[in-house]
């Protein structure tokens, strides 16, 4: 199944720096991780090598992301990561293994702090 992220980055193929800048501007770490993973799988699918810098960015995001927030998209992101780095995919899945995903964290915060 082609996700919207993969479709978006397929349109940017060959413009890796532009795609990386767009992904880097995502507010949430989980979104940045999802977009960078989609970029990396696009690079991998066209037969190019994923840079060590991009791998490192993804690894740092996996380490920094909140497991509760990442749990919602972890399987989708891991399915991208496994194409070029089973170790990164495993690290993400291990991080969220015992966490139940939050359905909508923003709605929960609004319920706690209505303003």
Protein backbone atom coordinates (compact mmCIF):
# COMPACT_ATOMS: atom_id res chain seq x y z
CA UNK A 1 0.00 0.00 0.00
CA UNK A 2 1.38 3.40 -0.98
CA UNK A 3 0.96 5.92 1.83
CA UNK A 4 0.47 9.63 1.14
CA UNK A 5 3.98 10.26 2.45
CA UNK A 6 5.55 7.84 -0.01
CA UNK A 7 3.47 9.26 -2.84
CA UNK A 8 4.54 12.79 -1.91
CA UNK A 9 8.22 11.90 -1.81
CA UNK A 10 8.01 9.97 -5.07
CA UNK A 11 7.04 13.29 -6.63
CA UNK A 12 10.21 14.79 -5.18
CA UNK A 13 12.53 12.00 -6.35
CA UNK A 14 15.82 13.39 -7.41
CA UNK A 15 15.27 16.47 -5.26
CA UNK A 16 16.49 14.90 -2.05
CA UNK A 17 17.62 18.09 -0.34
CA UNK A 18 14.24 19.74 -0.94
CA UNK A 19 12.44 16.67 0.39
CA UNK A 20 14.72 16.52 3.42
CA UNK A 21 14.08 20.20 4.15
CA UNK A 22 10.32 19.65 3.99
CA UNK A 23 10.58 16.65 6.32
CA UNK A 24 12.85 18.61 8.66
CA UNK A 25 10.21 21.32 8.99
CA UNK A 26 7.62 18.92 10.37
CA UNK A 27 6.68 20.03 13.87
CA UNK A 28 6.29 16.63 15.50
CA UNK A 29 9.19 14.19 15.75
CA UNK A 30 6.89 11.33 14.72
CA UNK A 31 6.00 13.21 11.54
CA UNK A 32 9.66 13.95 10.81
CA UNK A 33 10.47 10.28 11.31
CA UNK A 34 7.66 9.18 9.03
CA UNK A 35 8.64 11.63 6.29
CA UNK A 36 12.36 10.84 6.46
CA UNK A 37 11.60 7.11 6.35
CA UNK A 38 9.42 7.70 3.27
CA UNK A 39 12.22 9.71 1.67
CA UNK A 40 14.75 6.98 2.43
CA UNK A 41 12.57 4.23 0.96
CA UNK A 42 12.09 6.36 -2.17
CA UNK A 43 15.85 6.71 -2.51
CA UNK A 44 16.24 2.97 -1.96
CA UNK A 45 13.53 2.15 -4.53
CA UNK A 46 15.27 4.17 -7.22
CA UNK A 47 18.44 2.17 -6.55
CA UNK A 48 20.50 4.87 -4.88
CA UNK A 49 22.41 4.59 -1.64
CA UNK A 50 20.92 6.13 1.48
CA UNK A 51 23.44 8.54 2.96
CA UNK A 52 24.89 7.93 6.39
CA UNK A 53 23.60 11.38 7.35
CA UNK A 54 20.00 10.40 6.55
CA UNK A 55 20.38 7.10 8.42
CA UNK A 56 21.76 8.99 11.41
CA UNK A 57 18.87 11.47 11.35
CA UNK A 58 16.40 8.59 11.34
CA UNK A 59 18.24 6.80 14.14
CA UNK A 60 18.32 9.95 16.29
CA UNK A 61 14.60 10.46 15.75
CA UNK A 62 13.87 6.86 16.75
CA UNK A 63 15.85 7.42 19.94
CA UNK A 64 14.17 10.78 20.67
CA UNK A 65 10.56 10.06 19.76
CA UNK A 66 7.99 9.53 22.50
CA UNK A 67 6.96 5.85 22.32
CA UNK A 68 3.31 6.66 23.07
CA UNK A 69 3.13 9.08 20.17
CA UNK A 70 5.16 6.91 17.81
CA UNK A 71 3.13 3.77 18.48
CA UNK A 72 0.33 4.92 16.17
CA UNK A 73 2.53 4.96 13.06
CA UNK A 74 5.38 2.65 14.11
CA UNK A 75 4.36 -0.33 11.96
CA UNK A 76 3.96 1.83 8.86
CA UNK A 77 7.31 3.55 9.41
CA UNK A 78 9.01 0.24 10.18
CA UNK A 79 7.70 -1.20 6.91
CA UNK A 80 9.64 1.56 5.13
CA UNK A 81 12.74 1.20 7.27
CA UNK A 82 13.00 -2.56 6.84
CA UNK A 83 13.67 -2.08 3.11
CA UNK A 84 17.06 -0.52 3.72
CA UNK A 85 17.77 -1.03 7.43
CA UNK A 86 16.19 -3.90 9.33
CA UNK A 87 18.12 -2.72 12.41
CA UNK A 88 16.36 0.67 12.40
CA UNK A 89 12.98 -0.99 11.84
CA UNK A 90 13.62 -3.34 14.75
CA UNK A 91 14.78 -0.49 17.01
CA UNK A 92 11.55 1.42 16.35
CA UNK A 93 9.33 -1.59 16.93
CA UNK A 94 11.21 -2.50 20.11
CA UNK A 95 10.73 1.04 21.39
CA UNK A 96 6.94 0.89 21.04
CA UNK A 97 6.49 -2.82 21.78
CA UNK A 98 4.81 -2.44 25.17
CA UNK A 99 3.02 0.84 24.51
CA UNK A 100 -0.61 1.30 23.58
CA UNK A 101 -0.95 3.99 20.90
CA UNK A 102 -2.70 7.21 21.76
CA UNK A 103 -5.59 7.71 19.38
CA UNK A 104 -5.49 11.47 19.47
CA UNK A 105 -3.13 13.12 21.93
CA UNK A 106 -4.30 16.64 21.04
CA UNK A 107 -7.89 15.78 21.90
CA UNK A 108 -6.79 14.30 25.23
CA UNK A 109 -4.85 17.45 26.07
CA UNK A 110 -7.87 19.60 25.21
CA UNK A 111 -10.06 17.53 27.52
CA UNK A 112 -7.60 18.01 30.36
CA UNK A 113 -7.07 21.73 29.68
CA UNK A 114 -10.16 23.22 28.04
CA UNK A 115 -9.60 26.86 27.15
